[in-house]
Amino acid sequence: MEFTLKYKDINEKREMPDEDYTIKDLLDELELSAQTVVSKQNGELVIEDTVIQDGDEIQIVQIIYGG
């Protein structure tokens, strides 16, 4: 089972380590904080607890703060 990851210059297919692989697991693996990025699953905004499914496209977008 695999999914597509899009983040900055990354656009690759990745194998899922287990069936219950979540957005949080992916962010932990990439050493990213949910407070600094927004995650999308197949174009829809999702929360950290969302389970990644076979064939999903996961896009991670860096949040830009300004003042």
N, C-alpha and C. Protein backbone atom coordinates (compact mmCIF):
# COMPACT_ATOMS: atom_id res chain seq x y z
N MET A 1 0.85 -1.18 0.00
CA MET A 1 0.00 0.00 0.00
C MET A 1 0.90 1.24 0.00
N GLU A 2 0.52 2.19 -0.84
CA GLU A 2 1.34 3.39 -0.94
C GLU A 2 0.49 4.63 -1.14
N PHE A 3 1.10 5.79 -0.91
CA PHE A 3 0.44 7.07 -1.11
C PHE A 3 1.45 8.02 -1.75
N THR A 4 0.95 9.14 -2.27
CA THR A 4 1.82 10.15 -2.87
C THR A 4 1.96 11.29 -1.88
N LEU A 5 3.21 11.70 -1.63
CA LEU A 5 3.50 12.82 -0.74
C LEU A 5 3.97 14.01 -1.56
N LYS A 6 3.35 15.15 -1.31
CA LYS A 6 3.78 16.41 -1.93
C LYS A 6 4.07 17.40 -0.81
N TYR A 7 5.33 17.83 -0.74
CA TYR A 7 5.75 18.80 0.27
C TYR A 7 6.98 19.53 -0.26
N LYS A 8 6.87 20.82 -0.46
CA LYS A 8 7.94 21.64 -1.03
C LYS A 8 8.41 21.01 -2.34
N ASP A 9 9.67 20.59 -2.41
CA ASP A 9 10.22 19.99 -3.63
C ASP A 9 9.99 18.48 -3.71
N ILE A 10 9.36 17.90 -2.71
CA ILE A 10 9.12 16.45 -2.67
C ILE A 10 7.82 16.13 -3.41
N ASN A 11 7.88 15.20 -4.32
CA ASN A 11 6.70 14.68 -5.01
C ASN A 11 7.00 13.21 -5.29
N GLU A 12 6.68 12.35 -4.31
CA GLU A 12 7.09 10.95 -4.41
C GLU A 12 6.04 10.00 -3.86
N LYS A 13 6.12 8.78 -4.32
CA LYS A 13 5.28 7.72 -3.76
C LYS A 13 6.01 7.13 -2.57
N ARG A 14 5.24 6.85 -1.50
CA ARG A 14 5.81 6.27 -0.28
C ARG A 14 5.00 5.06 0.14
N GLU A 15 5.68 4.10 0.70
CA GLU A 15 5.02 2.92 1.26
C GLU A 15 4.50 3.26 2.66
N MET A 16 3.33 2.74 2.99
CA MET A 16 2.79 2.92 4.34
C MET A 16 3.32 1.80 5.23
N PRO A 17 3.90 2.16 6.38
CA PRO A 17 4.44 1.14 7.28
C PRO A 17 3.37 0.23 7.89
N ASP A 18 2.15 0.74 8.07
CA ASP A 18 1.07 -0.10 8.62
C ASP A 18 -0.28 0.47 8.20
N GLU A 19 -1.34 -0.27 8.49
CA GLU A 19 -2.70 0.11 8.08
C GLU A 19 -3.22 1.36 8.78
N ASP A 20 -2.74 1.60 9.99
CA ASP A 20 -3.23 2.73 10.78
C ASP A 20 -2.28 3.92 10.73
N TYR A 21 -1.62 4.11 9.60
CA TYR A 21 -0.66 5.20 9.42
C TYR A 21 -1.43 6.51 9.26
N THR A 22 -1.18 7.46 10.16
CA THR A 22 -1.94 8.70 10.19
C THR A 22 -1.11 9.89 9.70
N ILE A 23 -1.80 11.00 9.51
CA ILE A 23 -1.12 12.25 9.17
C ILE A 23 -0.09 12.59 10.25
N LYS A 24 -0.46 12.39 11.51
CA LYS A 24 0.47 12.67 12.61
C LYS A 24 1.72 11.81 12.49
N ASP A 25 1.58 10.53 12.17
CA ASP A 25 2.74 9.65 11.99
C ASP A 25 3.66 10.19 10.90
N LEU A 26 3.05 10.65 9.80
CA LEU A 26 3.82 11.19 8.68
C LEU A 26 4.55 12.47 9.10
N LEU A 27 3.85 13.37 9.80
CA LEU A 27 4.47 14.61 10.25
C LEU A 27 5.62 14.32 11.21
N ASP A 28 5.44 13.36 12.10
CA ASP A 28 6.51 12.97 13.03
C ASP A 28 7.72 12.45 12.26
N GLU A 29 7.47 11.63 11.25
CA GLU A 29 8.54 11.07 10.43
C GLU A 29 9.32 12.17 9.70
N LEU A 30 8.61 13.19 9.25
CA LEU A 30 9.23 14.31 8.53
C LEU A 30 9.77 15.39 9.48
N GLU A 31 9.57 15.17 10.79
CA GLU A 31 9.98 16.11 11.83
C GLU A 31 9.33 17.49 11.63
N LEU A 32 8.02 17.46 11.37
CA LEU A 32 7.23 18.67 11.19
C LEU A 32 6.19 18.77 12.30
N SER A 33 5.84 20.00 12.65
CA SER A 33 4.83 20.23 13.67
C SER A 33 3.50 20.59 13.00
N ALA A 34 2.42 20.07 13.53
CA ALA A 34 1.09 20.38 13.00
C ALA A 34 0.76 21.86 13.21
N GLN A 35 1.53 22.55 14.03
CA GLN A 35 1.30 23.97 14.27
C GLN A 35 1.93 24.83 13.17
N THR A 36 2.80 24.23 12.34
CA THR A 36 3.49 25.00 11.30
C THR A 36 3.11 24.59 9.89
N VAL A 37 2.27 23.55 9.77
CA VAL A 37 1.86 23.09 8.44
C VAL A 37 0.36 22.79 8.42
N VAL A 38 -0.20 22.75 7.21
CA VAL A 38 -1.58 22.33 6.98
C VAL A 38 -1.51 21.09 6.10
N SER A 39 -2.31 20.08 6.42
CA SER A 39 -2.29 18.83 5.65
C SER A 39 -3.58 18.68 4.85
N LYS A 40 -3.41 18.19 3.62
CA LYS A 40 -4.56 17.91 2.75
C LYS A 40 -4.48 16.46 2.30
N GLN A 41 -5.64 15.81 2.28
CA GLN A 41 -5.76 14.45 1.78
C GLN A 41 -6.69 14.51 0.58
N ASN A 42 -6.15 14.22 -0.59
CA ASN A 42 -6.92 14.28 -1.84
C ASN A 42 -7.62 15.63 -2.01
N GLY A 43 -6.91 16.71 -1.65
CA GLY A 43 -7.43 18.06 -1.85
C GLY A 43 -8.27 18.63 -0.73
N GLU A 44 -8.60 17.81 0.28
CA GLU A 44 -9.43 18.25 1.40
C GLU A 44 -8.58 18.43 2.66
N LEU A 45 -8.79 19.53 3.40
CA LEU A 45 -8.08 19.73 4.65
C LEU A 45 -8.43 18.62 5.64
N VAL A 46 -7.41 18.11 6.34
CA VAL A 46 -7.64 17.03 7.30
C VAL A 46 -6.90 17.31 8.60
N ILE A 47 -7.30 16.60 9.65
CA ILE A 47 -6.66 16.72 10.96
C ILE A 47 -5.60 15.63 11.11
N GLU A 48 -4.80 15.76 12.16
CA GLU A 48 -3.69 14.84 12.41
C GLU A 48 -4.11 13.38 12.56
N ASP A 49 -5.30 13.14 13.09
CA ASP A 49 -5.76 11.77 13.37
C ASP A 49 -6.25 11.04 12.12
N THR A 50 -6.30 11.71 10.99
CA THR A 50 -6.79 11.12 9.75
C THR A 50 -5.88 9.98 9.31
N VAL A 51 -6.47 8.83 9.00
CA VAL A 51 -5.71 7.67 8.53
C VAL A 51 -5.49 7.80 7.03
N ILE A 52 -4.25 7.60 6.61
CA ILE A 52 -3.90 7.66 5.19
C ILE A 52 -4.31 6.34 4.54
N GLN A 53 -5.00 6.43 3.40
CA GLN A 53 -5.48 5.25 2.68
C GLN A 53 -4.60 4.97 1.46
N ASP A 54 -4.63 3.75 0.98
CA ASP A 54 -3.89 3.35 -0.21
C ASP A 54 -4.31 4.23 -1.39
N GLY A 55 -3.34 4.81 -2.09
CA GLY A 55 -3.61 5.63 -3.26
C GLY A 55 -3.87 7.10 -2.97
N ASP A 56 -3.91 7.49 -1.70
CA ASP A 56 -4.15 8.89 -1.34
C ASP A 56 -3.03 9.79 -1.83
N GLU A 57 -3.39 11.06 -2.06
CA GLU A 57 -2.40 12.09 -2.30
C GLU A 57 -2.40 12.98 -1.08
N ILE A 58 -1.26 13.06 -0.39
CA ILE A 58 -1.13 13.88 0.80
C ILE A 58 -0.26 15.08 0.45
N GLN A 59 -0.82 16.26 0.66
CA GLN A 59 -0.08 17.49 0.40
C GLN A 59 0.11 18.20 1.73
N ILE A 60 1.35 18.61 1.99
CA ILE A 60 1.65 19.34 3.21
C ILE A 60 2.08 20.74 2.79
N VAL A 61 1.42 21.75 3.38
CA VAL A 61 1.67 23.14 3.03
C VAL A 61 2.21 23.87 4.26
N GLN A 62 3.35 24.52 4.10
CA GLN A 62 3.95 25.30 5.17
C GLN A 62 3.10 26.55 5.43
N ILE A 63 2.80 26.83 6.68
CA ILE A 63 2.06 28.03 7.05
C ILE A 63 3.05 29.18 7.14
N ILE A 64 2.70 30.31 6.54
CA ILE A 64 3.57 31.48 6.56
C ILE A 64 2.94 32.51 7.48
N TYR A 65 3.71 32.93 8.47
CA TYR A 65 3.24 33.94 9.40
C TYR A 65 3.80 35.30 8.99
N GLY A 66 3.01 36.31 9.17
CA GLY A 66 3.48 37.66 8.87
C GLY A 66 3.02 38.64 9.93
N GLY A 67 3.62 39.79 9.90
CA GLY A 67 3.23 40.75 10.91
C GLY A 67 3.24 42.15 10.39
